[in-house]
Amino acid sequence: MNLSALTAISPVDGRYRRQVEALAPYFSEFGLIRYRVRIEIEYFIALCEWPVPQLAGVESARFPALRALYGQFSEADALRIKEIEKTTNHDVKAVEYFIKEKLNGSPVEPFLEFIHFGLTSQDVNNTAIPLSLREAMDVEIVPLYRQVQVRLQQLAEQWANVSMLARTHGQPASPTRLGKEIQVFVERIEKQLLLLDAVPTAAKFGGATGNFNAHAVAYPNEDWKKFGDNFVQRLGMVRSQFTTQIEHYDMLAATLDAFKRLNTILIDFDRDVWTYVSMNYFKQKLKAGEVGSSAMPHKVNPIDFENSEGNLGIANALFEHLSAKLPISRLQRDLTDSTVLRSLGVPFAHSVIALKSLLKGIDKLELNEAAIRADLEDNWAVVAEGIQTILRREGYPQPYEALKALTRTNEKITEQTIQTFIDGLDVSDSVKQELRAITPFSYTGV
C-alpha cells in the first residue's frame, strides 16, 4: 500500500495533512536533513572566518555558493543523503559525505576535511533541531496563538457590556459580563506567551563529550569556547556552557512546558464555550450541506471546540513526555533523546490543528442575548450578596443571616420577592432606593 493522505497511519500526515503542511519544512525528515546541512556549512564558514590557519585562503566570495547547498536544498538532495546513509548507517555522517560530494571539483575541494572538523553528530543535531524549532515557532506556531488571542480580544470588546449570570460549582453566582470572562483568557494567554518568549533557545556545541577535545588538541592556542559561543549566537541561539555529548534539554523542556500551559488554557476555554453552547448562550451559524448527526436532523454540534480540545490533549500528552524525558540521559549520553526528538513536530502539529479548529469554531458563534437575559431574570437570588453587603455597611443586624433565610428556601426567588424583602427592612428610604437599584443585570461589578 502506497503512502498517501488516505493510507498514512498518523492523522497528522493523513486526515489533517493540509492543515499542518506548513510545518513540514521544519519537522519532517527532509527538514531535519536540510537543517543539518545548514549547520555543517555555517560551521565551515565560521572556521574560515575565525580563521583556522589552514583555511585562511578560503575567500568570502565562496560563501554564497556554499550557502546555496542548503538554500536550494531539494528533495532529490535529501534522497541522495538517504542513499549514502544506507552505506554509512549513520545519518549525520551521510550529510558530511553529501557535502563533500557536492563540493568535489569546487575551489574549496582542498579544504573538505574541515567539513565536520572536530565535531560529534550531536553538535550538529543539537544545533539544527533547536534552530528549526525556533524558526517554526517564529514563522508558523506562535503567530497562530497570537491570532487566537487577538480574536478573543475582539470578542471581549464586542461583548464588554453583555451582563451574564456567573456560575460557581455549576450554581448561579454573582453576575458578570461576558466580555470580562473572555478577557480572562486573553490575559492568561498573554502571560504565557511572555514566559515562552523569555526561554532562551539553547544549543550544545562542544565536541564529543562537550569539552572541545578534538579542537583543542589540533589547535591548542585557539579560544574554542569563544568560537563556539560566537557561532551559536550568530544562529540566534545561546550555547550551553557545560554539557555531556548531548544538550541537557532543560531550556527545550521549559519551552515545551510553556506550550503545554498555553494548550491547557485553551482546553479550559474550549470546555467553557462548549458549556455555553449547551446552555443556549451561543448559537452556531449553519452551513449548507453540513450534518450534525446521522440520526438526529436537528443537531448542530460544537464539533470545532471538541476537535480543538481533543487535539490539544494529544499535544499535551506528548509535550509532557518530551519535557520529562529529554533532560534525563544515562551518563554522558544514551540514544533515547534522539529517538523521541523524531516526534518533536507531532505535538506542534496537533496544536496547530487545534488552534485552527478553535478559530473556526469562534467564527461560527452567534450570541443569544435572549437566553442570557432570561437566565438572569430567572435568578434574582444572586443579588442577595449585594443587598447584604450594603446592609453590613449600614450596621443592620445580621444581614447575611436575613438574606440566607430569604434565599435558601424551596420557593422561587423573583424580583417581587426581593422588592417585598426590601420594603420590610428597617432602613432609610434612600438606602431602600439604593437596594432596589440592584438587579441581576446591573450587579456586575467593575
Protein backbone atom coordinates (compact mmCIF):
# COMPACT_ATOMS: atom_id res chain seq x y z
CA MET A 1 0.00 0.00 0.00
CA ASN A 2 1.50 3.32 -1.09
CA LEU A 3 1.76 6.15 1.43
CA SER A 4 -0.83 8.85 0.90
CA ALA A 5 -3.15 11.02 2.96
CA LEU A 6 -5.59 8.08 2.96
CA THR A 7 -3.08 5.38 3.95
CA ALA A 8 -1.00 7.38 6.49
CA ILE A 9 -1.13 5.88 9.99
CA SER A 10 -0.88 9.25 11.71
CA PRO A 11 -3.79 11.68 11.16
CA VAL A 12 -1.19 14.46 11.15
CA ASP A 13 0.06 13.17 7.79
CA GLY A 14 -3.33 11.83 6.77
CA ARG A 15 -6.67 13.46 7.53
CA TYR A 16 -5.14 16.74 8.73
CA ARG A 17 -2.19 16.98 6.32
CA ARG A 18 -3.43 20.16 4.62
CA GLN A 19 -3.77 21.93 7.95
CA VAL A 20 -0.19 21.26 9.06
CA GLU A 21 1.71 21.13 5.77
CA ALA A 22 3.47 24.41 6.58
CA LEU A 23 5.28 22.64 9.45
CA ALA A 24 6.91 20.08 7.13
CA PRO A 25 9.97 22.22 6.26
CA TYR A 26 10.83 22.32 9.97
CA PHE A 27 9.86 18.96 11.47
CA SER A 28 9.96 16.41 8.62
CA GLU A 29 12.90 14.14 7.85
CA PHE A 30 13.59 16.41 4.90
CA GLY A 31 13.56 19.42 7.20
CA LEU A 32 15.94 17.84 9.70
CA ILE A 33 18.38 16.89 6.95
CA ARG A 34 18.28 20.39 5.46
CA TYR A 35 18.96 21.99 8.83
CA ARG A 36 21.88 19.60 9.36
CA VAL A 37 23.36 20.68 6.03
CA ARG A 38 22.87 24.29 7.09
CA ILE A 39 24.75 23.80 10.36
CA GLU A 40 27.62 21.97 8.66
CA ILE A 41 28.00 24.71 6.04
CA GLU A 42 27.74 27.58 8.52
CA TYR A 43 30.27 25.84 10.76
CA PHE A 44 32.73 25.50 7.88
CA ILE A 45 32.26 29.19 7.02
CA ALA A 46 32.80 30.13 10.68
CA LEU A 47 36.08 28.18 10.70
CA CYS A 48 37.14 30.09 7.59
CA GLU A 49 36.26 33.43 9.16
CA TRP A 50 37.90 32.67 12.53
CA PRO A 51 40.23 31.84 10.77
CA VAL A 52 41.73 28.42 11.30
CA PRO A 53 45.21 28.91 9.75
CA GLN A 54 44.74 26.27 7.08
CA LEU A 55 41.50 27.94 5.95
CA ALA A 56 42.81 31.50 5.75
CA GLY A 57 42.97 31.17 1.96
CA VAL A 58 39.26 30.48 1.52
CA GLU A 59 37.82 33.71 0.18
CA SER A 60 34.48 35.05 1.40
CA ALA A 61 33.38 35.17 -2.24
CA ARG A 62 32.97 31.38 -1.96
CA PHE A 63 30.42 31.60 0.86
CA PRO A 64 27.26 32.28 -1.23
CA ALA A 65 27.88 29.12 -3.28
CA LEU A 66 28.35 27.17 -0.05
CA ARG A 67 25.14 28.53 1.44
CA ALA A 68 23.29 27.58 -1.72
CA LEU A 69 23.76 23.94 -0.69
CA TYR A 70 21.11 24.42 1.97
CA GLY A 71 19.36 27.46 0.50
CA GLN A 72 18.48 25.48 -2.65
CA PHE A 73 18.26 22.12 -0.94
CA SER A 74 15.86 19.79 -2.75
CA GLU A 75 14.07 16.52 -2.12
CA ALA A 76 16.49 14.95 -4.59
CA ASP A 77 19.35 16.11 -2.34
CA ALA A 78 17.64 14.59 0.70
CA LEU A 79 17.13 11.31 -1.15
CA ARG A 80 20.82 11.27 -2.07
CA ILE A 81 21.73 11.65 1.59
CA LYS A 82 19.38 8.79 2.50
CA GLU A 83 21.08 6.70 -0.17
CA ILE A 84 24.50 7.44 1.35
CA GLU A 85 23.09 6.57 4.77
CA LYS A 86 22.36 3.03 3.55
CA THR A 87 26.14 2.57 3.44
CA THR A 88 27.21 4.64 6.44
CA ASN A 89 24.30 3.55 8.66
CA HIS A 90 24.78 6.99 10.23
CA ASP A 91 22.56 9.92 9.31
CA VAL A 92 24.91 12.81 10.18
CA LYS A 93 27.94 11.16 8.57
CA ALA A 94 25.84 10.80 5.43
CA VAL A 95 25.31 14.58 5.46
CA GLU A 96 29.06 15.15 5.73
CA TYR A 97 29.75 12.84 2.78
CA PHE A 98 26.99 14.50 0.74
CA ILE A 99 28.53 17.96 1.24
CA LYS A 100 31.97 16.70 0.28
CA GLU A 101 30.48 15.04 -2.78
CA LYS A 102 28.78 18.28 -3.83
CA LEU A 103 31.96 20.30 -3.34
CA ASN A 104 34.27 17.95 -5.23
CA GLY A 105 35.83 19.91 -8.08
CA SER A 106 34.99 23.26 -6.48
CA PRO A 107 37.56 25.83 -5.31
CA VAL A 108 37.12 24.61 -1.71
CA GLU A 109 37.89 20.96 -2.54
CA PRO A 110 41.38 21.14 -0.93
CA PHE A 111 39.73 22.04 2.38
CA LEU A 112 36.98 19.40 2.53
CA GLU A 113 38.40 17.67 5.63
CA PHE A 114 37.32 20.74 7.56
CA ILE A 115 33.71 19.79 6.90
CA HIS A 116 32.52 18.36 10.25
CA PHE A 117 36.01 19.10 11.68
CA GLY A 118 36.27 18.07 15.34
CA LEU A 119 32.50 17.62 15.70
CA THR A 120 30.31 14.85 17.00
CA SER A 121 26.91 14.25 15.43
CA GLN A 122 25.15 15.83 18.38
CA ASP A 123 26.91 19.14 17.79
CA VAL A 124 25.02 19.17 14.51
CA ASN A 125 21.73 17.72 15.79
CA ASN A 126 21.60 19.75 18.99
CA THR A 127 22.10 22.92 16.98
CA ALA A 128 19.92 22.03 13.99
CA ILE A 129 16.88 20.89 15.98
CA PRO A 130 16.54 23.91 18.32
CA LEU A 131 17.15 26.21 15.33
CA SER A 132 14.40 24.51 13.32
CA LEU A 133 12.04 24.69 16.30
CA ARG A 134 12.79 28.36 16.91
CA GLU A 135 12.14 29.25 13.28
CA ALA A 136 8.95 27.15 13.19
CA MET A 137 7.76 28.92 16.33
CA ASP A 138 8.54 32.37 14.92
CA VAL A 139 7.00 31.79 11.49
CA GLU A 140 4.14 29.32 11.98
CA ILE A 141 3.30 28.42 15.57
CA VAL A 142 3.40 31.43 17.89
CA PRO A 143 1.61 33.66 15.33
CA LEU A 144 -1.31 31.21 15.45
CA TYR A 145 -1.55 31.50 19.25
CA ARG A 146 -1.41 35.27 18.81
CA GLN A 147 -4.20 35.05 16.25
CA VAL A 148 -6.38 33.25 18.78
CA GLN A 149 -5.53 35.84 21.42
CA VAL A 150 -6.37 38.74 19.08
CA ARG A 151 -9.67 37.12 18.10
CA LEU A 152 -10.58 36.65 21.76
CA GLN A 153 -9.65 40.27 22.48
CA GLN A 154 -12.06 41.35 19.74
CA LEU A 155 -14.84 39.29 21.28
CA ALA A 156 -14.06 40.63 24.76
CA GLU A 157 -14.50 44.17 23.45
CA GLN A 158 -17.58 43.28 21.40
CA TRP A 159 -19.32 41.69 24.39
CA ALA A 160 -17.92 44.02 27.07
CA ASN A 161 -21.39 45.21 28.18
CA VAL A 162 -23.27 41.92 27.98
CA SER A 163 -24.41 41.07 31.52
CA MET A 164 -24.34 37.34 32.21
CA LEU A 165 -25.09 35.02 35.10
CA ALA A 166 -21.90 33.55 36.51
CA ARG A 167 -21.74 30.01 37.80
CA THR A 168 -19.51 28.70 40.55
CA HIS A 169 -19.66 24.98 41.27
CA GLY A 170 -22.24 24.94 38.49
CA GLN A 171 -24.62 27.02 40.60
CA PRO A 172 -25.89 30.57 39.90
CA ALA A 173 -23.47 33.14 41.28
CA SER A 174 -22.90 36.90 41.26
CA PRO A 175 -23.44 38.19 37.71
CA THR A 176 -20.52 39.06 35.50
CA ARG A 177 -20.01 40.34 31.97
CA LEU A 178 -19.36 38.08 29.04
CA GLY A 179 -16.59 40.30 27.70
CA LYS A 180 -14.75 40.14 31.01
CA GLU A 181 -14.95 36.34 31.06
CA ILE A 182 -13.36 36.26 27.59
CA GLN A 183 -10.74 38.76 28.77
CA VAL A 184 -9.67 36.26 31.43
CA PHE A 185 -8.37 34.00 28.67
CA VAL A 186 -6.76 36.89 26.77
CA GLU A 187 -4.70 37.78 29.83
CA ARG A 188 -3.76 34.18 30.57
CA ILE A 189 -2.53 33.62 27.01
CA GLU A 190 -0.57 36.87 27.03
CA LYS A 191 1.28 35.99 30.23
CA GLN A 192 2.23 32.54 28.95
CA LEU A 193 3.46 33.94 25.63
CA LEU A 194 5.67 36.36 27.55
CA LEU A 195 7.10 33.49 29.60
CA LEU A 196 7.65 31.48 26.42
CA ASP A 197 9.50 34.36 24.83
CA ALA A 198 11.81 34.58 27.85
CA VAL A 199 13.06 30.99 27.43
CA PRO A 200 16.37 31.02 25.53
CA THR A 201 16.93 28.71 22.58
CA ALA A 202 19.85 26.63 23.81
CA ALA A 203 22.26 24.60 21.68
CA LYS A 204 25.01 22.15 22.53
CA PHE A 205 28.22 22.75 20.57
CA GLY A 206 31.40 21.47 22.15
CA GLY A 207 32.74 18.30 20.58
CA ALA A 208 32.38 14.64 21.53
CA THR A 209 31.77 15.00 25.27
CA GLY A 210 31.32 18.75 25.44
CA ASN A 211 34.94 19.77 26.07
CA PHE A 212 36.23 20.67 22.57
CA ASN A 213 38.73 17.83 22.98
CA ALA A 214 39.47 17.39 19.27
CA HIS A 215 39.57 21.10 18.58
CA ALA A 216 41.93 21.78 21.47
CA VAL A 217 44.37 19.02 20.60
CA ALA A 218 44.58 20.22 16.98
CA TYR A 219 44.77 23.95 17.80
CA PRO A 220 45.68 24.32 21.49
CA ASN A 221 46.14 28.08 21.30
CA GLU A 222 42.68 28.88 19.93
CA ASP A 223 39.86 30.05 22.20
CA TRP A 224 37.35 27.37 21.19
CA LYS A 225 34.88 28.34 23.87
CA LYS A 226 34.65 31.82 22.39
CA PHE A 227 34.42 30.36 18.91
CA GLY A 228 31.52 28.10 19.94
CA ASP A 229 29.71 30.94 21.71
CA ASN A 230 30.04 33.21 18.67
CA PHE A 231 28.98 30.51 16.22
CA VAL A 232 25.82 29.59 18.10
CA GLN A 233 24.99 33.24 18.80
CA ARG A 234 25.20 34.02 15.08
CA LEU A 235 22.42 31.48 14.58
CA GLY A 236 20.25 33.31 17.09
CA MET A 237 20.76 30.90 19.99
CA VAL A 238 22.82 30.57 23.16
CA ARG A 239 25.41 27.87 23.74
CA SER A 240 25.07 25.65 26.80
CA GLN A 241 28.44 26.00 28.52
CA PHE A 242 28.70 22.67 30.35
CA THR A 243 27.29 19.63 28.61
CA THR A 244 27.88 15.95 28.06
CA GLN A 245 27.88 14.66 24.49
CA ILE A 246 24.34 15.98 24.15
CA GLU A 247 22.37 19.08 25.06
CA HIS A 248 20.81 18.75 28.51
CA TYR A 249 17.49 19.99 27.07
CA ASP A 250 16.43 21.97 30.13
CA MET A 251 15.54 25.02 28.04
CA LEU A 252 13.76 22.90 25.45
CA ALA A 253 11.77 21.28 28.26
CA ALA A 254 10.83 24.75 29.52
CA THR A 255 9.65 25.67 26.02
CA LEU A 256 7.53 22.53 25.74
CA ASP A 257 6.08 23.12 29.20
CA ALA A 258 5.15 26.66 28.17
CA PHE A 259 3.23 25.31 25.18
CA LYS A 260 1.58 22.76 27.43
CA ARG A 261 0.34 25.56 29.69
CA LEU A 262 -0.92 27.53 26.69
CA ASN A 263 -2.81 24.47 25.48
CA THR A 264 -4.26 23.84 28.93
CA ILE A 265 -5.65 27.37 28.95
CA LEU A 266 -7.26 26.77 25.56
CA ILE A 267 -8.73 23.44 26.72
CA ASP A 268 -10.32 25.41 29.55
CA PHE A 269 -11.72 27.87 27.01
CA ASP A 270 -13.00 25.06 24.74
CA ARG A 271 -14.88 23.49 27.63
CA ASP A 272 -16.39 26.80 28.76
CA VAL A 273 -17.65 27.62 25.27
CA TRP A 274 -18.96 24.06 24.85
CA THR A 275 -20.92 24.54 28.07
CA TYR A 276 -22.27 27.94 26.98
CA VAL A 277 -23.43 26.36 23.71
CA SER A 278 -25.20 23.63 25.67
CA MET A 279 -26.87 26.37 27.78
CA ASN A 280 -28.02 28.09 24.57
CA TYR A 281 -25.97 31.22 25.36
CA PHE A 282 -24.43 30.75 21.91
CA LYS A 283 -25.97 29.50 18.73
CA GLN A 284 -23.82 28.31 15.84
CA LYS A 285 -24.00 29.60 12.29
CA LEU A 286 -25.37 26.99 9.92
CA LYS A 287 -23.52 25.87 6.83
CA ALA A 288 -25.43 24.44 3.90
CA GLY A 289 -24.90 20.71 3.49
CA GLU A 290 -23.39 20.06 6.91
CA VAL A 291 -24.82 17.25 9.04
CA GLY A 292 -24.80 17.33 12.84
CA SER A 293 -25.93 13.77 13.42
CA SER A 294 -26.52 10.73 11.24
CA ALA A 295 -29.75 10.08 13.15
CA MET A 296 -30.99 13.41 14.56
CA PRO A 297 -31.51 16.03 11.82
CA HIS A 298 -31.95 18.94 14.25
CA LYS A 299 -28.46 18.77 15.79
CA VAL A 300 -25.77 21.41 15.32
CA ASN A 301 -22.87 20.13 17.38
CA PRO A 302 -19.96 22.22 18.77
CA ILE A 303 -17.55 19.94 16.91
CA ASP A 304 -14.85 22.55 16.33
CA PHE A 305 -14.38 23.06 20.07
CA GLU A 306 -14.44 19.30 20.63
CA ASN A 307 -11.85 18.80 17.89
CA SER A 308 -9.72 21.53 19.43
CA GLU A 309 -9.96 20.03 22.91
CA GLY A 310 -9.05 16.55 21.69
CA ASN A 311 -6.03 17.65 19.69
CA LEU A 312 -4.78 19.91 22.49
CA GLY A 313 -4.98 16.91 24.82
CA ILE A 314 -2.90 14.72 22.49
CA ALA A 315 -0.37 17.53 22.08
CA ASN A 316 -0.07 18.00 25.84
CA ALA A 317 0.46 14.29 26.46
CA LEU A 318 3.41 14.38 24.06
CA PHE A 319 4.73 17.69 25.40
CA GLU A 320 4.65 16.23 28.90
CA HIS A 321 6.56 13.10 27.89
CA LEU A 322 9.15 15.06 25.92
CA SER A 323 9.76 17.61 28.67
CA ALA A 324 10.05 14.88 31.32
CA LYS A 325 12.23 12.53 29.28
CA LEU A 326 14.65 14.75 27.36
CA PRO A 327 16.56 16.22 30.36
CA ILE A 328 17.43 12.68 31.52
CA SER A 329 20.26 10.74 29.87
CA ARG A 330 22.41 7.94 31.22
CA LEU A 331 25.93 9.22 31.97
CA GLN A 332 27.42 11.14 29.03
CA ARG A 333 24.63 10.04 26.67
CA ASP A 334 22.23 7.39 25.55
CA LEU A 335 20.12 7.32 22.40
CA THR A 336 16.68 7.91 23.92
CA ASP A 337 16.82 11.66 23.23
CA SER A 338 17.43 11.06 19.54
CA THR A 339 14.53 8.62 19.41
CA VAL A 340 11.92 10.87 21.00
CA LEU A 341 13.10 14.02 19.21
CA ARG A 342 11.94 12.39 15.98
CA SER A 343 8.42 13.13 17.24
CA LEU A 344 9.09 16.75 18.24
CA GLY A 345 6.92 18.10 15.45
CA VAL A 346 3.92 15.89 16.27
CA PRO A 347 2.61 17.79 19.33
CA PHE A 348 3.07 21.07 17.48
CA ALA A 349 1.09 19.66 14.56
CA HIS A 350 -1.75 18.65 16.87
CA SER A 351 -1.60 22.10 18.47
CA VAL A 352 -1.88 23.78 15.07
CA ILE A 353 -4.84 21.56 14.15
CA ALA A 354 -6.48 22.50 17.46
CA LEU A 355 -5.89 26.23 17.05
CA LYS A 356 -7.34 26.24 13.54
CA SER A 357 -10.41 24.34 14.74
CA LEU A 358 -10.79 26.76 17.63
CA LEU A 359 -10.67 29.79 15.32
CA LYS A 360 -13.19 28.13 13.03
CA GLY A 361 -15.49 27.47 15.96
CA ILE A 362 -15.21 31.02 17.26
CA ASP A 363 -16.24 32.39 13.88
CA LYS A 364 -19.40 30.25 13.97
CA LEU A 365 -20.61 31.61 17.31
CA GLU A 366 -23.70 33.79 17.44
CA LEU A 367 -24.61 35.39 20.75
CA ASN A 368 -28.09 34.52 22.03
CA GLU A 369 -28.74 37.50 24.29
CA ALA A 370 -32.36 36.46 24.86
CA ALA A 371 -31.23 33.24 26.57
CA ILE A 372 -28.64 35.09 28.64
CA ARG A 373 -31.18 37.70 29.79
CA ALA A 374 -33.75 35.01 30.57
CA ASP A 375 -31.21 33.22 32.77
CA LEU A 376 -30.52 36.44 34.68
CA GLU A 377 -34.23 37.15 35.08
CA ASP A 378 -34.72 33.64 36.41
CA ASN A 379 -32.11 34.06 39.14
CA TRP A 380 -32.90 37.09 41.26
CA ALA A 381 -31.41 35.33 44.28
CA VAL A 382 -27.94 36.32 43.07
CA VAL A 383 -28.47 39.96 44.16
CA ALA A 384 -28.54 38.80 47.79
CA GLU A 385 -24.78 39.33 48.11
CA GLY A 386 -25.05 42.99 47.10
CA ILE A 387 -28.04 43.67 49.37
CA GLN A 388 -26.45 42.11 52.46
CA THR A 389 -23.17 43.97 51.81
CA ILE A 390 -24.91 47.35 51.81
CA LEU A 391 -26.82 46.34 54.96
CA ARG A 392 -23.48 45.46 56.59
CA ARG A 393 -22.28 48.95 55.69
CA GLU A 394 -25.35 50.42 57.36
CA GLY A 395 -24.87 48.40 60.56
CA TYR A 396 -28.03 46.39 60.02
CA PRO A 397 -28.19 43.42 62.44
CA GLN A 398 -27.21 40.03 60.92
CA PRO A 399 -27.86 40.91 57.27
CA TYR A 400 -26.17 37.75 55.92
CA GLU A 401 -28.44 35.56 58.00
CA ALA A 402 -31.50 37.53 56.92
CA LEU A 403 -30.71 37.07 53.23
CA LYS A 404 -29.79 33.43 53.79
CA ALA A 405 -33.21 32.81 55.34
CA LEU A 406 -34.85 34.54 52.39
CA THR A 407 -33.00 32.88 49.53
CA ARG A 408 -32.31 29.32 50.76
CA THR A 409 -35.90 28.13 50.59
CA ASN A 410 -37.68 25.95 48.10
CA GLU A 411 -39.71 28.92 46.91
CA LYS A 412 -38.77 30.70 43.71
CA ILE A 413 -36.96 33.99 44.32
CA THR A 414 -38.31 36.62 41.93
CA GLU A 415 -37.97 40.35 41.50
CA GLN A 416 -41.13 40.74 43.57
CA THR A 417 -39.69 38.58 46.36
CA ILE A 418 -36.65 40.84 46.57
CA GLN A 419 -38.70 44.05 46.45
CA THR A 420 -41.02 42.82 49.23
CA PHE A 421 -37.99 41.96 51.37
CA ILE A 422 -36.51 45.43 50.84
CA ASP A 423 -39.81 47.11 51.69
CA GLY A 424 -39.84 45.33 55.05
CA LEU A 425 -36.32 46.43 56.09
CA ASP A 426 -35.87 48.92 58.93
CA VAL A 427 -33.61 51.25 56.94
CA SER A 428 -33.96 54.73 55.46
CA ASP A 429 -35.81 55.35 52.20
CA SER A 430 -32.54 56.37 50.50
CA VAL A 431 -30.96 53.02 51.41
CA LYS A 432 -34.08 51.19 50.18
CA GLN A 433 -33.82 53.11 46.90
CA GLU A 434 -30.17 52.08 46.64
CA LEU A 435 -31.09 48.43 47.26
CA ARG A 436 -33.91 48.46 44.69
CA ALA A 437 -31.40 49.55 42.02
CA ILE A 438 -29.55 46.24 42.40
CA THR A 439 -30.69 43.83 39.70
CA PRO A 440 -29.14 40.74 38.10
CA PHE A 441 -28.48 42.91 35.05
CA SER A 442 -26.71 45.76 36.87
CA TYR A 443 -24.92 43.87 39.62
CA THR A 444 -21.82 43.11 37.52
CA GLY A 445 -19.03 44.92 39.37
CA VAL A 446 -16.35 46.84 37.51
